Amino acid sequence: MGIQDWSENVLLVTIAPEPDMCDELKMVTDMIRQRKKCSVVIDFSDVDIVTSSSLAQLLRLQKTLDDLDQQFVVCGTSKRTKSIFEVTGLDKVFEFVEDKFTALAGLQMAS
């Protein structure tokens, strides 16, 4: 996983494939709780599959960011990964964009 401070208030997180994804998402959630004002872009470019544990951790991250009035954007999902979000109905919970550049530009414009 790579965590980059894209700007003062935006983290860009490149997620590693399972089985490490869940632990990495917990780490990001803890970082957000400490920083308070920080939106997150999660890049799934290297991910092919998402487990139920990781989906639960993504929901925790979304709730943490919602509670702090910050944004959460998912990008770089493969068709296979995106289908997991669609089957579970989470494609309506998370904001999806094509790539990290689109996600970062959208967050910059929103601030």
N, C-alpha and C. Protein backbone atom coordinates (compact mmCIF):
# COMPACT_ATOMS: atom_id res chain seq x y z
N MET A 1 0.86 -1.18 0.00
CA MET A 1 0.00 0.00 0.00
C MET A 1 0.89 1.22 0.00
N GLY A 2 0.42 2.23 -0.66
CA GLY A 2 1.10 3.51 -0.62
C GLY A 2 0.14 4.59 -0.18
N ILE A 3 0.57 5.40 0.76
CA ILE A 3 -0.23 6.53 1.21
C ILE A 3 0.53 7.79 0.86
N GLN A 4 -0.11 8.64 0.09
CA GLN A 4 0.51 9.91 -0.30
C GLN A 4 -0.34 11.06 0.20
N ASP A 5 0.31 12.05 0.76
CA ASP A 5 -0.37 13.30 1.07
C ASP A 5 -0.45 14.09 -0.22
N TRP A 6 -1.58 13.98 -0.90
CA TRP A 6 -1.73 14.67 -2.18
C TRP A 6 -1.78 16.18 -1.97
N SER A 7 -2.45 16.56 -0.92
CA SER A 7 -2.50 17.96 -0.52
C SER A 7 -2.69 17.97 1.00
N GLU A 8 -2.82 19.14 1.55
CA GLU A 8 -2.98 19.25 3.01
C GLU A 8 -4.18 18.47 3.52
N ASN A 9 -5.23 18.38 2.70
CA ASN A 9 -6.48 17.75 3.14
C ASN A 9 -6.92 16.56 2.31
N VAL A 10 -6.00 15.97 1.52
CA VAL A 10 -6.37 14.83 0.69
C VAL A 10 -5.29 13.75 0.79
N LEU A 11 -5.73 12.52 1.12
CA LEU A 11 -4.85 11.36 1.09
C LEU A 11 -5.16 10.53 -0.14
N LEU A 12 -4.13 10.12 -0.85
CA LEU A 12 -4.26 9.18 -1.97
C LEU A 12 -3.70 7.85 -1.49
N VAL A 13 -4.55 6.82 -1.48
CA VAL A 13 -4.17 5.52 -0.95
C VAL A 13 -4.25 4.49 -2.07
N THR A 14 -3.11 3.87 -2.38
CA THR A 14 -3.07 2.78 -3.35
C THR A 14 -3.12 1.49 -2.56
N ILE A 15 -4.22 0.77 -2.71
CA ILE A 15 -4.49 -0.43 -1.92
C ILE A 15 -3.76 -1.64 -2.51
N ALA A 16 -3.21 -2.46 -1.61
CA ALA A 16 -2.59 -3.72 -2.00
C ALA A 16 -3.67 -4.80 -2.11
N PRO A 17 -3.40 -5.83 -2.89
CA PRO A 17 -4.37 -6.93 -3.00
C PRO A 17 -4.57 -7.65 -1.67
N GLU A 18 -5.67 -8.42 -1.59
CA GLU A 18 -5.91 -9.25 -0.41
C GLU A 18 -4.73 -10.20 -0.26
N PRO A 19 -4.37 -10.61 0.93
CA PRO A 19 -5.09 -10.50 2.19
C PRO A 19 -4.74 -9.26 3.00
N ASP A 20 -3.89 -8.38 2.48
CA ASP A 20 -3.41 -7.24 3.25
C ASP A 20 -4.37 -6.04 3.25
N MET A 21 -5.34 -6.04 2.38
CA MET A 21 -6.20 -4.87 2.21
C MET A 21 -6.92 -4.46 3.49
N CYS A 22 -7.47 -5.40 4.21
CA CYS A 22 -8.27 -5.07 5.39
C CYS A 22 -7.43 -4.34 6.44
N ASP A 23 -6.23 -4.85 6.71
CA ASP A 23 -5.35 -4.19 7.69
C ASP A 23 -4.95 -2.80 7.23
N GLU A 24 -4.70 -2.65 5.95
CA GLU A 24 -4.32 -1.34 5.41
C GLU A 24 -5.47 -0.34 5.53
N LEU A 25 -6.69 -0.81 5.29
CA LEU A 25 -7.84 0.08 5.42
C LEU A 25 -8.05 0.50 6.88
N LYS A 26 -7.79 -0.40 7.81
CA LYS A 26 -7.86 -0.04 9.24
C LYS A 26 -6.85 1.06 9.55
N MET A 27 -5.65 0.94 9.00
CA MET A 27 -4.61 1.94 9.23
C MET A 27 -5.04 3.30 8.69
N VAL A 28 -5.64 3.32 7.50
CA VAL A 28 -6.11 4.58 6.92
C VAL A 28 -7.22 5.18 7.78
N THR A 29 -8.14 4.36 8.26
CA THR A 29 -9.22 4.84 9.12
C THR A 29 -8.66 5.47 10.39
N ASP A 30 -7.66 4.84 10.98
CA ASP A 30 -7.02 5.40 12.18
C ASP A 30 -6.34 6.74 11.87
N MET A 31 -5.69 6.83 10.73
CA MET A 31 -5.04 8.09 10.32
C MET A 31 -6.06 9.21 10.18
N ILE A 32 -7.21 8.88 9.58
CA ILE A 32 -8.25 9.89 9.36
C ILE A 32 -8.81 10.37 10.70
N ARG A 33 -9.00 9.46 11.62
CA ARG A 33 -9.50 9.86 12.95
C ARG A 33 -8.55 10.83 13.64
N GLN A 34 -7.26 10.66 13.42
CA GLN A 34 -6.27 11.55 14.02
C GLN A 34 -6.20 12.89 13.30
N ARG A 35 -6.29 12.86 11.97
CA ARG A 35 -6.13 14.08 11.18
C ARG A 35 -7.39 14.93 11.14
N LYS A 36 -8.54 14.31 11.25
CA LYS A 36 -9.86 14.96 11.23
C LYS A 36 -10.25 15.51 9.86
N LYS A 37 -9.58 16.52 9.36
CA LYS A 37 -9.98 17.15 8.11
C LYS A 37 -9.14 16.61 6.96
N CYS A 38 -9.62 15.50 6.39
CA CYS A 38 -8.86 14.89 5.32
C CYS A 38 -9.78 13.99 4.49
N SER A 39 -9.92 14.31 3.22
CA SER A 39 -10.67 13.45 2.31
C SER A 39 -9.75 12.35 1.81
N VAL A 40 -10.34 11.27 1.29
CA VAL A 40 -9.56 10.10 0.90
C VAL A 40 -9.94 9.64 -0.50
N VAL A 41 -8.92 9.35 -1.31
CA VAL A 41 -9.08 8.67 -2.59
C VAL A 41 -8.44 7.30 -2.43
N ILE A 42 -9.22 6.24 -2.68
CA ILE A 42 -8.71 4.88 -2.62
C ILE A 42 -8.56 4.36 -4.05
N ASP A 43 -7.34 4.03 -4.43
CA ASP A 43 -7.04 3.53 -5.78
C ASP A 43 -6.98 2.00 -5.74
N PHE A 44 -7.90 1.37 -6.46
CA PHE A 44 -8.01 -0.09 -6.51
C PHE A 44 -7.32 -0.69 -7.74
N SER A 45 -6.43 0.04 -8.38
CA SER A 45 -5.81 -0.43 -9.62
C SER A 45 -5.10 -1.78 -9.50
N ASP A 46 -4.57 -2.09 -8.32
CA ASP A 46 -3.83 -3.34 -8.12
C ASP A 46 -4.68 -4.45 -7.52
N VAL A 47 -5.98 -4.22 -7.41
CA VAL A 47 -6.87 -5.16 -6.70
C VAL A 47 -7.77 -5.89 -7.69
N ASP A 48 -7.86 -7.23 -7.51
CA ASP A 48 -8.75 -8.03 -8.35
C ASP A 48 -9.98 -8.52 -7.60
N ILE A 49 -9.86 -8.70 -6.30
CA ILE A 49 -10.95 -9.25 -5.51
C ILE A 49 -11.02 -8.51 -4.17
N VAL A 50 -12.22 -8.42 -3.64
CA VAL A 50 -12.43 -7.76 -2.35
C VAL A 50 -13.21 -8.72 -1.46
N THR A 51 -12.71 -8.95 -0.25
CA THR A 51 -13.39 -9.85 0.68
C THR A 51 -14.46 -9.11 1.47
N SER A 52 -15.31 -9.87 2.14
CA SER A 52 -16.35 -9.25 2.97
C SER A 52 -15.74 -8.44 4.11
N SER A 53 -14.61 -8.88 4.64
CA SER A 53 -13.94 -8.11 5.71
C SER A 53 -13.47 -6.76 5.20
N SER A 54 -12.95 -6.74 3.99
CA SER A 54 -12.50 -5.47 3.42
C SER A 54 -13.67 -4.56 3.08
N LEU A 55 -14.78 -5.15 2.63
CA LEU A 55 -15.97 -4.34 2.37
C LEU A 55 -16.46 -3.70 3.66
N ALA A 56 -16.44 -4.47 4.75
CA ALA A 56 -16.85 -3.93 6.05
C ALA A 56 -15.91 -2.79 6.47
N GLN A 57 -14.63 -2.96 6.23
CA GLN A 57 -13.68 -1.91 6.60
C GLN A 57 -13.86 -0.67 5.73
N LEU A 58 -14.19 -0.85 4.46
CA LEU A 58 -14.49 0.30 3.59
C LEU A 58 -15.71 1.06 4.11
N LEU A 59 -16.71 0.33 4.59
CA LEU A 59 -17.90 0.98 5.16
C LEU A 59 -17.55 1.76 6.42
N ARG A 60 -16.66 1.21 7.25
CA ARG A 60 -16.22 1.94 8.45
C ARG A 60 -15.48 3.22 8.06
N LEU A 61 -14.64 3.12 7.05
CA LEU A 61 -13.92 4.30 6.57
C LEU A 61 -14.90 5.34 6.04
N GLN A 62 -15.90 4.90 5.26
CA GLN A 62 -16.91 5.81 4.74
C GLN A 62 -17.65 6.50 5.89
N LYS A 63 -18.03 5.74 6.92
CA LYS A 63 -18.74 6.33 8.07
C LYS A 63 -17.86 7.33 8.80
N THR A 64 -16.61 7.00 9.00
CA THR A 64 -15.68 7.92 9.67
C THR A 64 -15.58 9.23 8.90
N LEU A 65 -15.43 9.12 7.58
CA LEU A 65 -15.33 10.33 6.75
C LEU A 65 -16.64 11.10 6.73
N ASP A 66 -17.77 10.41 6.69
CA ASP A 66 -19.07 11.08 6.75
C ASP A 66 -19.22 11.85 8.06
N ASP A 67 -18.83 11.21 9.17
CA ASP A 67 -18.93 11.85 10.48
C ASP A 67 -18.07 13.11 10.57
N LEU A 68 -16.97 13.12 9.83
CA LEU A 68 -16.05 14.27 9.82
C LEU A 68 -16.36 15.24 8.69
N ASP A 69 -17.44 14.96 7.93
CA ASP A 69 -17.85 15.79 6.79
C ASP A 69 -16.74 15.90 5.74
N GLN A 70 -16.13 14.75 5.45
CA GLN A 70 -15.07 14.67 4.45
C GLN A 70 -15.51 13.73 3.33
N GLN A 71 -14.81 13.80 2.20
CA GLN A 71 -15.20 13.01 1.04
C GLN A 71 -14.38 11.74 0.91
N PHE A 72 -14.99 10.74 0.25
CA PHE A 72 -14.36 9.45 0.02
C PHE A 72 -14.64 9.06 -1.42
N VAL A 73 -13.59 8.82 -2.19
CA VAL A 73 -13.74 8.47 -3.60
C VAL A 73 -12.96 7.19 -3.88
N VAL A 74 -13.59 6.28 -4.61
CA VAL A 74 -12.98 5.02 -5.02
C VAL A 74 -12.68 5.12 -6.51
N CYS A 75 -11.47 4.72 -6.90
CA CYS A 75 -11.11 4.78 -8.32
C CYS A 75 -10.31 3.55 -8.72
N GLY A 76 -10.15 3.39 -10.03
CA GLY A 76 -9.29 2.34 -10.56
C GLY A 76 -9.81 0.93 -10.39
N THR A 77 -11.11 0.75 -10.22
CA THR A 77 -11.65 -0.60 -10.03
C THR A 77 -11.73 -1.33 -11.36
N SER A 78 -11.32 -2.59 -11.35
CA SER A 78 -11.46 -3.43 -12.54
C SER A 78 -12.94 -3.81 -12.68
N LYS A 79 -13.30 -4.37 -13.81
CA LYS A 79 -14.69 -4.81 -14.00
C LYS A 79 -15.07 -5.85 -12.95
N ARG A 80 -14.14 -6.74 -12.68
CA ARG A 80 -14.40 -7.81 -11.70
C ARG A 80 -14.62 -7.22 -10.30
N THR A 81 -13.77 -6.30 -9.91
CA THR A 81 -13.91 -5.68 -8.59
C THR A 81 -15.18 -4.85 -8.51
N LYS A 82 -15.45 -4.09 -9.55
CA LYS A 82 -16.66 -3.25 -9.57
C LYS A 82 -17.91 -4.11 -9.45
N SER A 83 -17.89 -5.30 -10.06
CA SER A 83 -19.07 -6.18 -9.99
C SER A 83 -19.35 -6.62 -8.55
N ILE A 84 -18.31 -6.74 -7.73
CA ILE A 84 -18.51 -7.08 -6.31
C ILE A 84 -19.28 -5.96 -5.62
N PHE A 85 -18.91 -4.73 -5.90
CA PHE A 85 -19.61 -3.59 -5.32
C PHE A 85 -21.06 -3.53 -5.82
N GLU A 86 -21.27 -3.86 -7.09
CA GLU A 86 -22.63 -3.82 -7.66
C GLU A 86 -23.52 -4.90 -7.06
N VAL A 87 -23.00 -6.11 -6.93
CA VAL A 87 -23.78 -7.22 -6.39
C VAL A 87 -24.19 -6.95 -4.94
N THR A 88 -23.32 -6.30 -4.19
CA THR A 88 -23.62 -6.01 -2.78
C THR A 88 -24.41 -4.72 -2.59
N GLY A 89 -24.61 -3.98 -3.68
CA GLY A 89 -25.33 -2.71 -3.59
C GLY A 89 -24.46 -1.56 -3.12
N LEU A 90 -23.18 -1.80 -2.92
CA LEU A 90 -22.29 -0.76 -2.42
C LEU A 90 -21.86 0.22 -3.51
N ASP A 91 -22.20 -0.08 -4.75
CA ASP A 91 -21.91 0.88 -5.82
C ASP A 91 -22.75 2.15 -5.65
N LYS A 92 -23.80 2.06 -4.85
CA LYS A 92 -24.64 3.22 -4.57
C LYS A 92 -24.21 3.94 -3.28
N VAL A 93 -23.35 3.30 -2.51
CA VAL A 93 -22.87 3.87 -1.24
C VAL A 93 -21.61 4.69 -1.46
N PHE A 94 -20.70 4.15 -2.27
CA PHE A 94 -19.42 4.81 -2.52
C PHE A 94 -19.46 5.60 -3.81
N GLU A 95 -18.65 6.64 -3.87
CA GLU A 95 -18.49 7.41 -5.10
C GLU A 95 -17.36 6.78 -5.92
N PHE A 96 -17.67 6.40 -7.16
CA PHE A 96 -16.68 5.78 -8.04
C PHE A 96 -16.35 6.72 -9.19
N VAL A 97 -15.07 6.80 -9.51
CA VAL A 97 -14.61 7.50 -10.71
C VAL A 97 -13.60 6.61 -11.41
N GLU A 98 -13.28 6.97 -12.65
CA GLU A 98 -12.44 6.13 -13.49
C GLU A 98 -11.02 5.95 -12.95
N ASP A 99 -10.36 7.06 -12.61
CA ASP A 99 -8.95 6.97 -12.21
C ASP A 99 -8.62 8.00 -11.14
N LYS A 100 -7.40 7.90 -10.60
CA LYS A 100 -7.02 8.77 -9.49
C LYS A 100 -6.93 10.23 -9.90
N PHE A 101 -6.60 10.50 -11.15
CA PHE A 101 -6.50 11.89 -11.60
C PHE A 101 -7.87 12.56 -11.61
N THR A 102 -8.89 11.82 -12.05
CA THR A 102 -10.26 12.33 -12.03
C THR A 102 -10.72 12.54 -10.59
N ALA A 103 -10.40 11.60 -9.72
CA ALA A 103 -10.79 11.70 -8.31
C ALA A 103 -10.15 12.91 -7.65
N LEU A 104 -8.86 13.08 -7.85
CA LEU A 104 -8.13 14.20 -7.23
C LEU A 104 -8.60 15.54 -7.78
N ALA A 105 -8.85 15.60 -9.08
CA ALA A 105 -9.34 16.84 -9.68
C ALA A 105 -10.71 17.19 -9.11
N GLY A 106 -11.58 16.19 -8.94
CA GLY A 106 -12.90 16.43 -8.37
C GLY A 106 -12.84 16.95 -6.95
N LEU A 107 -11.93 16.41 -6.16
CA LEU A 107 -11.77 16.88 -4.78
C LEU A 107 -11.20 18.29 -4.74
N GLN A 108 -10.28 18.59 -5.63
CA GLN A 108 -9.70 19.94 -5.68
C GLN A 108 -10.78 20.97 -6.04
N MET A 109 -11.64 20.61 -6.99
CA MET A 109 -12.70 21.53 -7.42
C MET A 109 -13.74 21.71 -6.32
N ALA A 110 -13.97 20.67 -5.52
CA ALA A 110 -14.98 20.74 -4.46
C ALA A 110 -14.53 21.58 -3.27
N SER A 111 -13.21 21.74 -3.11
CA SER A 111 -12.74 22.49 -1.94
C SER A 111 -12.56 23.96 -2.20
